[in-house]
PDB file of N, CA and C in Angstrom:
ATOM      1  N   UNK A   1    -136.055  73.080   0.753  1.00  0.00           N
ATOM      2  CA  UNK A   1    -135.631  71.702   0.858  1.00  0.00           C
ATOM      3  C   UNK A   1    -134.403  71.446  -0.015  1.00  0.00           C
ATOM      4  N   UNK A   2    -134.440  71.980  -1.275  1.00  0.00           N
ATOM      5  CA  UNK A   2    -133.305  71.792  -2.173  1.00  0.00           C
ATOM      6  C   UNK A   2    -132.057  72.472  -1.612  1.00  0.00           C
ATOM      7  N   UNK A   3    -132.239  73.660  -1.014  1.00  0.00           N
ATOM      8  CA  UNK A   3    -131.098  74.374  -0.431  1.00  0.00           C
ATOM      9  C   UNK A   3    -130.467  73.591   0.714  1.00  0.00           C
ATOM     10  N   UNK A   4    -131.275  72.969   1.534  1.00  0.00           N
ATOM     11  CA  UNK A   4    -130.767  72.183   2.658  1.00  0.00           C
ATOM     12  C   UNK A   4    -129.942  71.008   2.151  1.00  0.00           C
ATOM     13  N   UNK A   5    -130.432  70.312   1.155  1.00  0.00           N
ATOM     14  CA  UNK A   5    -129.701  69.178   0.578  1.00  0.00           C
ATOM     15  C   UNK A   5    -128.408  69.672  -0.066  1.00  0.00           C
ATOM     16  N   UNK A   6    -128.488  70.775  -0.785  1.00  0.00           N
ATOM     17  CA  UNK A   6    -127.306  71.337  -1.438  1.00  0.00           C
ATOM     18  C   UNK A   6    -126.228  71.694  -0.410  1.00  0.00           C
ATOM     19  N   UNK A   7    -126.599  72.419   0.652  1.00  0.00           N
ATOM     20  CA  UNK A   7    -125.631  72.812   1.683  1.00  0.00           C
ATOM     21  C   UNK A   7    -125.079  71.600   2.439  1.00  0.00           C
ATOM     22  N   UNK A   8    -125.916  70.617   2.644  1.00  0.00           N
ATOM     23  CA  UNK A   8    -125.462  69.390   3.305  1.00  0.00           C
ATOM     24  C   UNK A   8    -124.432  68.679   2.439  1.00  0.00           C
ATOM     25  N   UNK A   9    -124.674  68.584   1.145  1.00  0.00           N
ATOM     26  CA  UNK A   9    -123.722  67.943   0.232  1.00  0.00           C
ATOM     27  C   UNK A   9    -122.415  68.721   0.156  1.00  0.00           C
ATOM     28  N   UNK A  10    -122.490  70.024   0.079  1.00  0.00           N
ATOM     29  CA  UNK A  10    -121.284  70.856   0.030  1.00  0.00           C
ATOM     30  C   UNK A  10    -120.472  70.668   1.317  1.00  0.00           C
ATOM     31  N   UNK A  11    -121.137  70.697   2.461  1.00  0.00           N
ATOM     32  CA  UNK A  11    -120.455  70.508   3.744  1.00  0.00           C
ATOM     33  C   UNK A  11    -119.809  69.130   3.815  1.00  0.00           C
ATOM     34  N   UNK A  12    -120.528  68.109   3.377  1.00  0.00           N
ATOM     35  CA  UNK A  12    -120.003  66.743   3.386  1.00  0.00           C
ATOM     36  C   UNK A  12    -118.782  66.623   2.479  1.00  0.00           C
ATOM     37  N   UNK A  13    -118.835  67.195   1.287  1.00  0.00           N
ATOM     38  CA  UNK A  13    -117.689  67.166   0.375  1.00  0.00           C
ATOM     39  C   UNK A  13    -116.493  67.906   0.966  1.00  0.00           C
ATOM     40  N   UNK A  14    -116.755  69.024   1.612  1.00  0.00           N
ATOM     41  CA  UNK A  14    -115.672  69.776   2.245  1.00  0.00           C
ATOM     42  C   UNK A  14    -115.005  68.952   3.345  1.00  0.00           C
ATOM     43  N   UNK A  15    -115.799  68.327   4.190  1.00  0.00           N
ATOM     44  CA  UNK A  15    -115.247  67.529   5.287  1.00  0.00           C
ATOM     45  C   UNK A  15    -114.471  66.325   4.771  1.00  0.00           C
ATOM     46  N   UNK A  16    -114.937  65.708   3.712  1.00  0.00           N
ATOM     47  CA  UNK A  16    -114.238  64.556   3.145  1.00  0.00           C
ATOM     48  C   UNK A  16    -112.932  64.957   2.470  1.00  0.00           C
ATOM     49  N   UNK A  17    -112.869  66.177   1.964  1.00  0.00           N
ATOM     50  CA  UNK A  17    -111.662  66.619   1.264  1.00  0.00           C
ATOM     51  C   UNK A  17    -110.565  67.096   2.216  1.00  0.00           C
ATOM     52  N   UNK A  18    -110.905  67.355   3.467  1.00  0.00           N
ATOM     53  CA  UNK A  18    -109.902  67.799   4.440  1.00  0.00           C
ATOM     54  C   UNK A  18    -108.912  66.671   4.705  1.00  0.00           C
ATOM     55  N   UNK A  19    -107.638  67.014   4.643  1.00  0.00           N
ATOM     56  CA  UNK A  19    -106.607  66.015   4.920  1.00  0.00           C
ATOM     57  C   UNK A  19    -106.427  65.881   6.419  1.00  0.00           C
ATOM     58  N   UNK A  20    -106.265  64.663   6.832  1.00  0.00           N
ATOM     59  CA  UNK A  20    -105.999  64.397   8.238  1.00  0.00           C
ATOM     60  C   UNK A  20    -104.503  64.555   8.460  1.00  0.00           C
ATOM     61  N   UNK A  21    -104.120  65.449   9.354  1.00  0.00           N
ATOM     62  CA  UNK A  21    -102.700  65.670   9.618  1.00  0.00           C
ATOM     63  C   UNK A  21    -102.148  64.562  10.493  1.00  0.00           C
ATOM     64  N   UNK A  22    -100.909  64.191  10.184  1.00  0.00           N
ATOM     65  CA  UNK A  22    -100.223  63.213  11.021  1.00  0.00           C
ATOM     66  C   UNK A  22     -99.841  63.880  12.327  1.00  0.00           C
ATOM     67  N   UNK A  23     -99.787  63.102  13.401  1.00  0.00           N
ATOM     68  CA  UNK A  23     -99.288  63.693  14.647  1.00  0.00           C
ATOM     69  C   UNK A  23     -97.812  64.054  14.502  1.00  0.00           C
ATOM     70  N   UNK A  24     -97.327  64.924  15.359  1.00  0.00           N
ATOM     71  CA  UNK A  24     -95.935  65.381  15.284  1.00  0.00           C
ATOM     72  C   UNK A  24     -94.952  64.226  15.491  1.00  0.00           C
ATOM     73  N   UNK A  25     -95.338  63.254  16.314  1.00  0.00           N
ATOM     74  CA  UNK A  25     -94.468  62.101  16.560  1.00  0.00           C
ATOM     75  C   UNK A  25     -95.316  60.877  16.891  1.00  0.00           C
ATOM     76  N   UNK A  26     -94.686  59.723  16.808  1.00  0.00           N
ATOM     77  CA  UNK A  26     -95.301  58.461  17.195  1.00  0.00           C
ATOM     78  C   UNK A  26     -94.339  57.754  18.138  1.00  0.00           C
ATOM     79  N   UNK A  27     -94.862  56.884  18.966  1.00  0.00           N
ATOM     80  CA  UNK A  27     -94.030  56.082  19.858  1.00  0.00           C
ATOM     81  C   UNK A  27     -93.971  54.667  19.290  1.00  0.00           C
ATOM     82  N   UNK A  28     -92.765  54.249  18.940  1.00  0.00           N
ATOM     83  CA  UNK A  28     -92.552  52.899  18.414  1.00  0.00           C
ATOM     84  C   UNK A  28     -92.180  51.996  19.590  1.00  0.00           C
ATOM     85  N   UNK A  29     -92.912  50.889  19.744  1.00  0.00           N
ATOM     86  CA  UNK A  29     -92.670  49.978  20.864  1.00  0.00           C
ATOM     87  C   UNK A  29     -92.173  48.640  20.349  1.00  0.00           C
ATOM     88  N   UNK A  30     -91.220  48.052  21.086  1.00  0.00           N
ATOM     89  CA  UNK A  30     -90.725  46.714  20.760  1.00  0.00           C
ATOM     90  C   UNK A  30     -90.253  46.044  22.043  1.00  0.00           C
ATOM     91  N   UNK A  31     -90.187  44.729  22.006  1.00  0.00           N
ATOM     92  CA  UNK A  31     -89.795  43.942  23.176  1.00  0.00           C
ATOM     93  C   UNK A  31     -88.465  43.255  22.902  1.00  0.00           C
ATOM     94  N   UNK A  32     -87.605  43.221  23.931  1.00  0.00           N
ATOM     95  CA  UNK A  32     -86.269  42.651  23.779  1.00  0.00           C
ATOM     96  C   UNK A  32     -85.882  41.900  25.045  1.00  0.00           C
ATOM     97  N   UNK A  33     -84.866  41.045  24.899  1.00  0.00           N
ATOM     98  CA  UNK A  33     -84.265  40.373  26.042  1.00  0.00           C
ATOM     99  C   UNK A  33     -82.860  40.921  26.202  1.00  0.00           C
ATOM    100  N   UNK A  34     -82.555  41.419  27.390  1.00  0.00           N
ATOM    101  CA  UNK A  34     -81.253  41.998  27.689  1.00  0.00           C
ATOM    102  C   UNK A  34     -80.581  41.206  28.803  1.00  0.00           C
ATOM    103  N   UNK A  35     -79.251  41.175  28.746  1.00  0.00           N
ATOM    104  CA  UNK A  35     -78.444  40.731  29.877  1.00  0.00           C
ATOM    105  C   UNK A  35     -77.773  41.990  30.413  1.00  0.00           C
ATOM    106  N   UNK A  36     -78.011  42.286  31.690  1.00  0.00           N
ATOM    107  CA  UNK A  36     -77.479  43.498  32.315  1.00  0.00           C
ATOM    108  C   UNK A  36     -76.388  43.091  33.295  1.00  0.00           C
ATOM    109  N   UNK A  37     -75.197  43.671  33.114  1.00  0.00           N
ATOM    110  CA  UNK A  37     -74.056  43.363  33.985  1.00  0.00           C
ATOM    111  C   UNK A  37     -74.328  43.755  35.430  1.00  0.00           C
ATOM    112  N   UNK A  38     -73.481  43.271  36.315  1.00  0.00           N
ATOM    113  CA  UNK A  38     -73.691  43.421  37.744  1.00  0.00           C
ATOM    114  C   UNK A  38     -73.173  44.690  38.379  1.00  0.00           C
ATOM    115  N   UNK A  39     -72.740  45.653  37.591  1.00  0.00           N
ATOM    116  CA  UNK A  39     -72.290  46.920  38.178  1.00  0.00           C
ATOM    117  C   UNK A  39     -72.610  48.072  37.230  1.00  0.00           C
ATOM    118  N   UNK A  40     -72.750  49.250  37.806  1.00  0.00           N
ATOM    119  CA  UNK A  40     -72.986  50.454  37.009  1.00  0.00           C
ATOM    120  C   UNK A  40     -71.646  51.076  36.651  1.00  0.00           C
ATOM    121  N   UNK A  41     -71.572  51.669  35.462  1.00  0.00           N
ATOM    122  CA  UNK A  41     -70.356  52.334  35.001  1.00  0.00           C
ATOM    123  C   UNK A  41     -70.608  53.827  34.900  1.00  0.00           C
ATOM    124  N   UNK A  42     -69.558  54.600  35.098  1.00  0.00           N
ATOM    125  CA  UNK A  42     -69.664  56.035  34.869  1.00  0.00           C
ATOM    126  C   UNK A  42     -69.602  56.270  33.364  1.00  0.00           C
ATOM    127  N   UNK A  43     -70.476  57.104  32.853  1.00  0.00           N
ATOM    128  CA  UNK A  43     -70.464  57.390  31.417  1.00  0.00           C
ATOM    129  C   UNK A  43     -70.897  58.832  31.188  1.00  0.00           C
ATOM    130  N   UNK A  44     -70.748  59.284  29.964  1.00  0.00           N
ATOM    131  CA  UNK A  44     -71.121  60.642  29.588  1.00  0.00           C
ATOM    132  C   UNK A  44     -72.308  60.578  28.644  1.00  0.00           C
ATOM    133  N   UNK A  45     -73.333  61.327  28.955  1.00  0.00           N
ATOM    134  CA  UNK A  45     -74.550  61.378  28.164  1.00  0.00           C
ATOM    135  C   UNK A  45     -74.579  62.705  27.428  1.00  0.00           C
ATOM    136  N   UNK A  46     -74.720  62.652  26.097  1.00  0.00           N
ATOM    137  CA  UNK A  46     -74.770  63.883  25.309  1.00  0.00           C
ATOM    138  C   UNK A  46     -76.220  64.301  25.136  1.00  0.00           C
ATOM    139  N   UNK A  47     -76.531  65.503  25.611  1.00  0.00           N
ATOM    140  CA  UNK A  47     -77.882  66.044  25.511  1.00  0.00           C
ATOM    141  C   UNK A  47     -77.797  67.409  24.857  1.00  0.00           C
ATOM    142  N   UNK A  48     -78.266  67.514  23.627  1.00  0.00           N
ATOM    143  CA  UNK A  48     -78.201  68.791  22.929  1.00  0.00           C
ATOM    144  C   UNK A  48     -76.765  69.231  22.768  1.00  0.00           C
ATOM    145  N   UNK A  49     -76.441  70.399  23.284  1.00  0.00           N
ATOM    146  CA  UNK A  49     -75.089  70.941  23.137  1.00  0.00           C
ATOM    147  C   UNK A  49     -74.186  70.600  24.315  1.00  0.00           C
ATOM    148  N   UNK A  50     -74.723  69.921  25.337  1.00  0.00           N
ATOM    149  CA  UNK A  50     -73.920  69.655  26.526  1.00  0.00           C
ATOM    150  C   UNK A  50     -73.701  68.181  26.790  1.00  0.00           C
ATOM    151  N   UNK A  51     -72.683  67.895  27.593  1.00  0.00           N
ATOM    152  CA  UNK A  51     -72.385  66.541  28.035  1.00  0.00           C
ATOM    153  C   UNK A  51     -72.579  66.470  29.541  1.00  0.00           C
ATOM    154  N   UNK A  52     -73.160  65.356  29.995  1.00  0.00           N
ATOM    155  CA  UNK A  52     -73.436  65.192  31.409  1.00  0.00           C
ATOM    156  C   UNK A  52     -72.931  63.836  31.875  1.00  0.00           C
ATOM    157  N   UNK A  53     -72.255  63.828  33.015  1.00  0.00           N
ATOM    158  CA  UNK A  53     -71.792  62.564  33.594  1.00  0.00           C
ATOM    159  C   UNK A  53     -72.963  61.902  34.308  1.00  0.00           C
ATOM    160  N   UNK A  54     -73.076  60.589  34.125  1.00  0.00           N
ATOM    161  CA  UNK A  54     -74.144  59.824  34.758  1.00  0.00           C
ATOM    162  C   UNK A  54     -73.672  58.388  34.946  1.00  0.00           C
ATOM    163  N   UNK A  55     -74.535  57.538  35.443  1.00  0.00           N
ATOM    164  CA  UNK A  55     -74.230  56.122  35.570  1.00  0.00           C
ATOM    165  C   UNK A  55     -74.974  55.366  34.483  1.00  0.00           C
ATOM    166  N   UNK A  56     -74.324  54.317  33.963  1.00  0.00           N
ATOM    167  CA  UNK A  56     -74.912  53.524  32.885  1.00  0.00           C
ATOM    168  C   UNK A  56     -74.869  52.037  33.213  1.00  0.00           C
ATOM    169  N   UNK A  57     -75.855  51.337  32.681  1.00  0.00           N
ATOM    170  CA  UNK A  57     -75.856  49.879  32.718  1.00  0.00           C
ATOM    171  C   UNK A  57     -75.111  49.385  31.481  1.00  0.00           C
ATOM    172  N   UNK A  58     -74.322  48.322  31.619  1.00  0.00           N
ATOM    173  CA  UNK A  58     -73.734  47.662  30.451  1.00  0.00           C
ATOM    174  C   UNK A  58     -74.706  46.547  30.070  1.00  0.00           C
ATOM    175  N   UNK A  59     -75.195  46.614  28.826  1.00  0.00           N
ATOM    176  CA  UNK A  59     -76.275  45.748  28.366  1.00  0.00           C
ATOM    177  C   UNK A  59     -75.819  44.949  27.154  1.00  0.00           C
ATOM    178  N   UNK A  60     -76.212  43.682  27.096  1.00  0.00           N
ATOM    179  CA  UNK A  60     -76.015  42.849  25.909  1.00  0.00           C
ATOM    180  C   UNK A  60     -77.398  42.420  25.440  1.00  0.00           C
ATOM    181  N   UNK A  61     -77.695  42.652  24.149  1.00  0.00           N
ATOM    182  CA  UNK A  61     -79.018  42.296  23.632  1.00  0.00           C
ATOM    183  C   UNK A  61     -79.015  40.889  23.039  1.00  0.00           C
ATOM    184  N   UNK A  62     -80.163  40.480  22.487  1.00  0.00           N
ATOM    185  CA  UNK A  62     -80.309  39.128  21.956  1.00  0.00           C
ATOM    186  C   UNK A  62     -79.447  38.873  20.720  1.00  0.00           C
ATOM    187  N   UNK A  63     -78.959  39.920  20.069  1.00  0.00           N
ATOM    188  CA  UNK A  63     -78.057  39.781  18.915  1.00  0.00           C
ATOM    189  C   UNK A  63     -76.597  39.796  19.347  1.00  0.00           C
ATOM    190  N   UNK A  64     -76.353  39.756  20.640  1.00  0.00           N
ATOM    191  CA  UNK A  64     -75.020  39.755  21.237  1.00  0.00           C
ATOM    192  C   UNK A  64     -74.280  41.084  21.045  1.00  0.00           C
ATOM    193  N   UNK A  65     -75.018  42.161  20.822  1.00  0.00           N
ATOM    194  CA  UNK A  65     -74.441  43.510  20.767  1.00  0.00           C
ATOM    195  C   UNK A  65     -74.384  44.064  22.185  1.00  0.00           C
ATOM    196  N   UNK A  66     -73.231  44.621  22.557  1.00  0.00           N
ATOM    197  CA  UNK A  66     -73.073  45.197  23.888  1.00  0.00           C
ATOM    198  C   UNK A  66     -73.033  46.716  23.772  1.00  0.00           C
ATOM    199  N   UNK A  67     -73.779  47.377  24.638  1.00  0.00           N
ATOM    200  CA  UNK A  67     -73.834  48.835  24.641  1.00  0.00           C
ATOM    201  C   UNK A  67     -74.174  49.301  26.048  1.00  0.00           C
ATOM    202  N   UNK A  68     -74.126  50.617  26.251  1.00  0.00           N
ATOM    203  CA  UNK A  68     -74.450  51.186  27.553  1.00  0.00           C
ATOM    204  C   UNK A  68     -75.747  51.979  27.462  1.00  0.00           C
ATOM    205  N   UNK A  69     -76.533  51.878  28.518  1.00  0.00           N
ATOM    206  CA  UNK A  69     -77.788  52.623  28.612  1.00  0.00           C
ATOM    207  C   UNK A  69     -77.744  53.427  29.908  1.00  0.00           C
ATOM    208  N   UNK A  70     -77.951  54.730  29.787  1.00  0.00           N
ATOM    209  CA  UNK A  70     -77.947  55.597  30.973  1.00  0.00           C
ATOM    210  C   UNK A  70     -79.060  55.187  31.928  1.00  0.00           C
ATOM    211  N   UNK A  71     -78.761  55.293  33.199  1.00  0.00           N
ATOM    212  CA  UNK A  71     -79.712  54.913  34.244  1.00  0.00           C
ATOM    213  C   UNK A  71     -81.049  55.643  34.065  1.00  0.00           C
ATOM    214  N   UNK A  72     -81.009  56.865  33.565  1.00  0.00           N
ATOM    215  CA  UNK A  72     -82.230  57.659  33.358  1.00  0.00           C
ATOM    216  C   UNK A  72     -83.119  57.086  32.258  1.00  0.00           C
ATOM    217  N   UNK A  73     -82.564  56.247  31.383  1.00  0.00           N
ATOM    218  CA  UNK A  73     -83.317  55.723  30.243  1.00  0.00           C
ATOM    219  C   UNK A  73     -83.681  54.248  30.381  1.00  0.00           C
ATOM    220  N   UNK A  74     -83.334  53.628  31.515  1.00  0.00           N
ATOM    221  CA  UNK A  74     -83.687  52.230  31.768  1.00  0.00           C
ATOM    222  C   UNK A  74     -84.330  52.148  33.143  1.00  0.00           C
ATOM    223  N   UNK A  75     -85.623  51.925  33.170  1.00  0.00           N
ATOM    224  CA  UNK A  75     -86.349  51.844  34.442  1.00  0.00           C
ATOM    225  C   UNK A  75     -86.244  50.418  34.966  1.00  0.00           C
ATOM    226  N   UNK A  76     -85.473  50.257  36.047  1.00  0.00           N
ATOM    227  CA  UNK A  76     -85.224  48.943  36.644  1.00  0.00           C
ATOM    228  C   UNK A  76     -85.192  49.135  38.162  1.00  0.00           C
ATOM    229  N   UNK A  77     -86.354  49.111  38.775  1.00  0.00           N
ATOM    230  CA  UNK A  77     -86.498  49.447  40.195  1.00  0.00           C
ATOM    231  C   UNK A  77     -85.839  48.445  41.134  1.00  0.00           C
ATOM    232  N   UNK A  78     -85.734  47.177  40.736  1.00  0.00           N
ATOM    233  CA  UNK A  78     -85.227  46.146  41.653  1.00  0.00           C
ATOM    234  C   UNK A  78     -83.767  45.793  41.399  1.00  0.00           C
ATOM    235  N   UNK A  79     -83.042  46.611  40.629  1.00  0.00           N
ATOM    236  CA  UNK A  79     -81.639  46.333  40.317  1.00  0.00           C
ATOM    237  C   UNK A  79     -80.796  46.359  41.585  1.00  0.00           C
ATOM    238  N   UNK A  80     -79.924  45.351  41.719  1.00  0.00           N
ATOM    239  CA  UNK A  80     -78.965  45.294  42.823  1.00  0.00           C
ATOM    240  C   UNK A  80     -77.581  45.074  42.235  1.00  0.00           C
ATOM    241  N   UNK A  81     -76.615  45.872  42.674  1.00  0.00           N
ATOM    242  CA  UNK A  81     -75.231  45.684  42.246  1.00  0.00           C
ATOM    243  C   UNK A  81     -74.761  44.305  42.699  1.00  0.00           C
ATOM    244  N   UNK A  82     -73.948  43.657  41.858  1.00  0.00           N
ATOM    245  CA  UNK A  82     -73.409  42.347  42.210  1.00  0.00           C
ATOM    246  C   UNK A  82     -74.172  41.184  41.606  1.00  0.00           C
ATOM    247  N   UNK A  83     -75.203  41.469  40.833  1.00  0.00           N
ATOM    248  CA  UNK A  83     -75.989  40.427  40.170  1.00  0.00           C
ATOM    249  C   UNK A  83     -76.037  40.695  38.672  1.00  0.00           C
ATOM    250  N   UNK A  84     -75.972  39.635  37.890  1.00  0.00           N
ATOM    251  CA  UNK A  84     -76.176  39.738  36.441  1.00  0.00           C
ATOM    252  C   UNK A  84     -77.626  39.325  36.184  1.00  0.00           C
ATOM    253  N   UNK A  85     -78.321  40.167  35.446  1.00  0.00           N
ATOM    254  CA  UNK A  85     -79.743  39.947  35.194  1.00  0.00           C
ATOM    255  C   UNK A  85     -79.989  39.625  33.724  1.00  0.00           C
ATOM    256  N   UNK A  86     -80.887  38.691  33.478  1.00  0.00           N
ATOM    257  CA  UNK A  86     -81.473  38.500  32.155  1.00  0.00           C
ATOM    258  C   UNK A  86     -82.910  38.978  32.293  1.00  0.00           C
ATOM    259  N   UNK A  87     -83.286  39.969  31.485  1.00  0.00           N
ATOM    260  CA  UNK A  87     -84.588  40.617  31.660  1.00  0.00           C
ATOM    261  C   UNK A  87     -85.298  40.785  30.321  1.00  0.00           C
ATOM    262  N   UNK A  88     -86.613  40.856  30.406  1.00  0.00           N
ATOM    263  CA  UNK A  88     -87.431  41.209  29.247  1.00  0.00           C
ATOM    264  C   UNK A  88     -87.753  42.691  29.389  1.00  0.00           C
ATOM    265  N   UNK A  89     -87.487  43.472  28.329  1.00  0.00           N
ATOM    266  CA  UNK A  89     -87.703  44.921  28.395  1.00  0.00           C
ATOM    267  C   UNK A  89     -88.632  45.399  27.286  1.00  0.00           C
ATOM    268  N   UNK A  90     -89.302  46.492  27.569  1.00  0.00           N
ATOM    269  CA  UNK A  90     -90.088  47.217  26.576  1.00  0.00           C
ATOM    270  C   UNK A  90     -89.256  48.412  26.144  1.00  0.00           C
ATOM    271  N   UNK A  91     -89.021  48.528  24.844  1.00  0.00           N
ATOM    272  CA  UNK A  91     -88.274  49.661  24.286  1.00  0.00           C
ATOM    273  C   UNK A  91     -89.279  50.618  23.659  1.00  0.00           C
ATOM    274  N   UNK A  92     -89.225  51.887  24.063  1.00  0.00           N
ATOM    275  CA  UNK A  92     -90.103  52.910  23.498  1.00  0.00           C
ATOM    276  C   UNK A  92     -89.236  53.993  22.866  1.00  0.00           C
ATOM    277  N   UNK A  93     -89.449  54.213  21.575  1.00  0.00           N
ATOM    278  CA  UNK A  93     -88.650  55.176  20.816  1.00  0.00           C
ATOM    279  C   UNK A  93     -89.582  56.193  20.177  1.00  0.00           C
ATOM    280  N   UNK A  94     -89.307  57.466  20.420  1.00  0.00           N
ATOM    281  CA  UNK A  94     -90.092  58.546  19.808  1.00  0.00           C
ATOM    282  C   UNK A  94     -89.617  58.715  18.369  1.00  0.00           C
ATOM    283  N   UNK A  95     -90.538  58.575  17.406  1.00  0.00           N
ATOM    284  CA  UNK A  95     -90.244  58.731  15.985  1.00  0.00           C
ATOM    285  C   UNK A  95     -90.947  59.996  15.496  1.00  0.00           C
ATOM    286  N   UNK A  96     -90.163  60.942  15.006  1.00  0.00           N
ATOM    287  CA  UNK A  96     -90.727  62.209  14.527  1.00  0.00           C
ATOM    288  C   UNK A  96     -91.315  62.044  13.130  1.00  0.00           C
ATOM    289  N   UNK A  97     -92.427  62.709  12.880  1.00  0.00           N
ATOM    290  CA  UNK A  97     -93.035  62.747  11.554  1.00  0.00           C
ATOM    291  C   UNK A  97     -92.719  64.068  10.856  1.00  0.00           C
ATOM    292  N   UNK A  98     -91.594  64.633  11.201  1.00  0.00           N
ATOM    293  CA  UNK A  98     -91.136  65.897  10.617  1.00  0.00           C
ATOM    294  C   UNK A  98     -89.619  65.922  10.726  1.00  0.00           C
ATOM    295  N   UNK A  99     -89.011  66.920  10.125  1.00  0.00           N
ATOM    296  CA  UNK A  99     -87.565  67.087  10.246  1.00  0.00           C
ATOM    297  C   UNK A  99     -87.240  67.540  11.668  1.00  0.00           C
ATOM    298  N   UNK A 100     -86.239  66.941  12.305  1.00  0.00           N
ATOM    299  CA  UNK A 100     -85.904  67.358  13.674  1.00  0.00           C
ATOM    300  C   UNK A 100     -85.264  68.742  13.691  1.00  0.00           C
ATOM    301  N   UNK A 101     -85.455  69.421  14.802  1.00  0.00           N
ATOM    302  CA  UNK A 101     -84.778  70.697  15.000  1.00  0.00           C
ATOM    303  C   UNK A 101     -83.303  70.432  15.265  1.00  0.00           C
ATOM    304  N   UNK A 102     -82.494  71.464  15.164  1.00  0.00           N
ATOM    305  CA  UNK A 102     -81.068  71.322  15.435  1.00  0.00           C
ATOM    306  C   UNK A 102     -80.874  70.818  16.864  1.00  0.00           C
ATOM    307  N   UNK A 103     -80.018  69.823  17.021  1.00  0.00           N
ATOM    308  CA  UNK A 103     -79.695  69.216  18.318  1.00  0.00           C
ATOM    309  C   UNK A 103     -80.887  68.521  18.974  1.00  0.00           C
ATOM    310  N   UNK A 104     -81.924  68.204  18.214  1.00  0.00           N
ATOM    311  CA  UNK A 104     -83.081  67.506  18.780  1.00  0.00           C
ATOM    312  C   UNK A 104     -82.848  66.001  18.661  1.00  0.00           C
ATOM    313  N   UNK A 105     -82.678  65.351  19.801  1.00  0.00           N
ATOM    314  CA  UNK A 105     -82.379  63.921  19.835  1.00  0.00           C
ATOM    315  C   UNK A 105     -83.335  63.254  20.814  1.00  0.00           C
ATOM    316  N   UNK A 106     -83.889  62.120  20.416  1.00  0.00           N
ATOM    317  CA  UNK A 106     -84.747  61.349  21.308  1.00  0.00           C
ATOM    318  C   UNK A 106     -84.169  59.954  21.449  1.00  0.00           C
ATOM    319  N   UNK A 107     -83.601  59.675  22.618  1.00  0.00           N
ATOM    320  CA  UNK A 107     -83.038  58.362  22.888  1.00  0.00           C
ATOM    321  C   UNK A 107     -84.157  57.413  23.300  1.00  0.00           C
ATOM    322  N   UNK A 108     -83.996  56.130  23.002  1.00  0.00           N
ATOM    323  CA  UNK A 108     -85.034  55.175  23.421  1.00  0.00           C
ATOM    324  C   UNK A 108     -85.074  55.034  24.943  1.00  0.00           C
ATOM    325  N   UNK A 109     -86.256  54.776  25.456  1.00  0.00           N
ATOM    326  CA  UNK A 109     -86.454  54.499  26.877  1.00  0.00           C
ATOM    327  C   UNK A 109     -86.794  53.020  27.023  1.00  0.00           C
ATOM    328  N   UNK A 110     -86.254  52.408  28.071  1.00  0.00           N
ATOM    329  CA  UNK A 110     -86.477  50.989  28.322  1.00  0.00           C
ATOM    330  C   UNK A 110     -87.131  50.816  29.686  1.00  0.00           C
ATOM    331  N   UNK A 111     -88.045  49.858  29.762  1.00  0.00           N
ATOM    332  CA  UNK A 111     -88.677  49.498  31.024  1.00  0.00           C
ATOM    333  C   UNK A 111     -88.538  47.997  31.207  1.00  0.00           C
ATOM    334  N   UNK A 112     -87.983  47.584  32.344  1.00  0.00           N
ATOM    335  CA  UNK A 112     -87.877  46.151  32.631  1.00  0.00           C
ATOM    336  C   UNK A 112     -89.269  45.641  32.982  1.00  0.00           C
ATOM    337  N   UNK A 113     -89.731  44.659  32.217  1.00  0.00           N
ATOM    338  CA  UNK A 113     -91.051  44.083  32.444  1.00  0.00           C
ATOM    339  C   UNK A 113     -90.988  42.840  33.326  1.00  0.00           C
ATOM    340  N   UNK A 114     -89.895  42.075  33.157  1.00  0.00           N
ATOM    341  CA  UNK A 114     -89.794  40.808  33.880  1.00  0.00           C
ATOM    342  C   UNK A 114     -88.327  40.419  34.036  1.00  0.00           C
ATOM    343  N   UNK A 115     -87.968  39.962  35.222  1.00  0.00           N
ATOM    344  CA  UNK A 115     -86.630  39.420  35.451  1.00  0.00           C
ATOM    345  C   UNK A 115     -86.711  37.930  35.152  1.00  0.00           C
ATOM    346  N   UNK A 116     -85.974  37.485  34.120  1.00  0.00           N
ATOM    347  CA  UNK A 116     -85.992  36.081  33.724  1.00  0.00           C
ATOM    348  C   UNK A 116     -84.972  35.259  34.503  1.00  0.00           C
ATOM    349  N   UNK A 117     -83.858  35.906  34.879  1.00  0.00           N
ATOM    350  CA  UNK A 117     -82.777  35.203  35.569  1.00  0.00           C
ATOM    351  C   UNK A 117     -81.970  36.222  36.368  1.00  0.00           C
ATOM    352  N   UNK A 118     -81.552  35.825  37.582  1.00  0.00           N
ATOM    353  CA  UNK A 118     -80.736  36.689  38.439  1.00  0.00           C
ATOM    354  C   UNK A 118     -79.596  35.832  38.974  1.00  0.00           C
ATOM    355  N   UNK A 119     -78.339  36.180  38.592  1.00  0.00           N
ATOM    356  CA  UNK A 119     -77.162  35.394  38.985  1.00  0.00           C
ATOM    357  C   UNK A 119     -76.238  36.235  39.853  1.00  0.00           C
ATOM    358  N   UNK A 120     -75.810  35.678  40.964  1.00  0.00           N
ATOM    359  CA  UNK A 120     -74.837  36.344  41.841  1.00  0.00           C
ATOM    360  C   UNK A 120     -73.471  36.283  41.177  1.00  0.00           C
ATOM    361  N   UNK A 121     -72.749  37.401  41.156  1.00  0.00           N
ATOM    362  CA  UNK A 121     -71.404  37.430  40.560  1.00  0.00           C
ATOM    363  C   UNK A 121     -70.337  37.179  41.601  1.00  0.00           C
TER     364      UNK A 121
END
């Protein structure tokens, strides 16, 4: 009986002393309001050691900052050229819990959740 209690206590202490490892990465989520221009622009996307031509949306955020987002990183199924959209988006950013490898880059991904306004240009 004493041996069983002793081994149980030792096992319990061992399990409590084990450190829980952090996952390799976490996904940080945030919500934003964007104004998306009415046409796609040609742009260059840098991925690792190479550059790739693609199409980009010209976006203005709620802080009035204007930037481009590659079509591959903004999911907007109902987009039509010739309209300016005000949309609510979900931004998902992969945050590493370790030092990144050389040329390891994770760009944020955006998903349009709701079209707030659609204006013909």
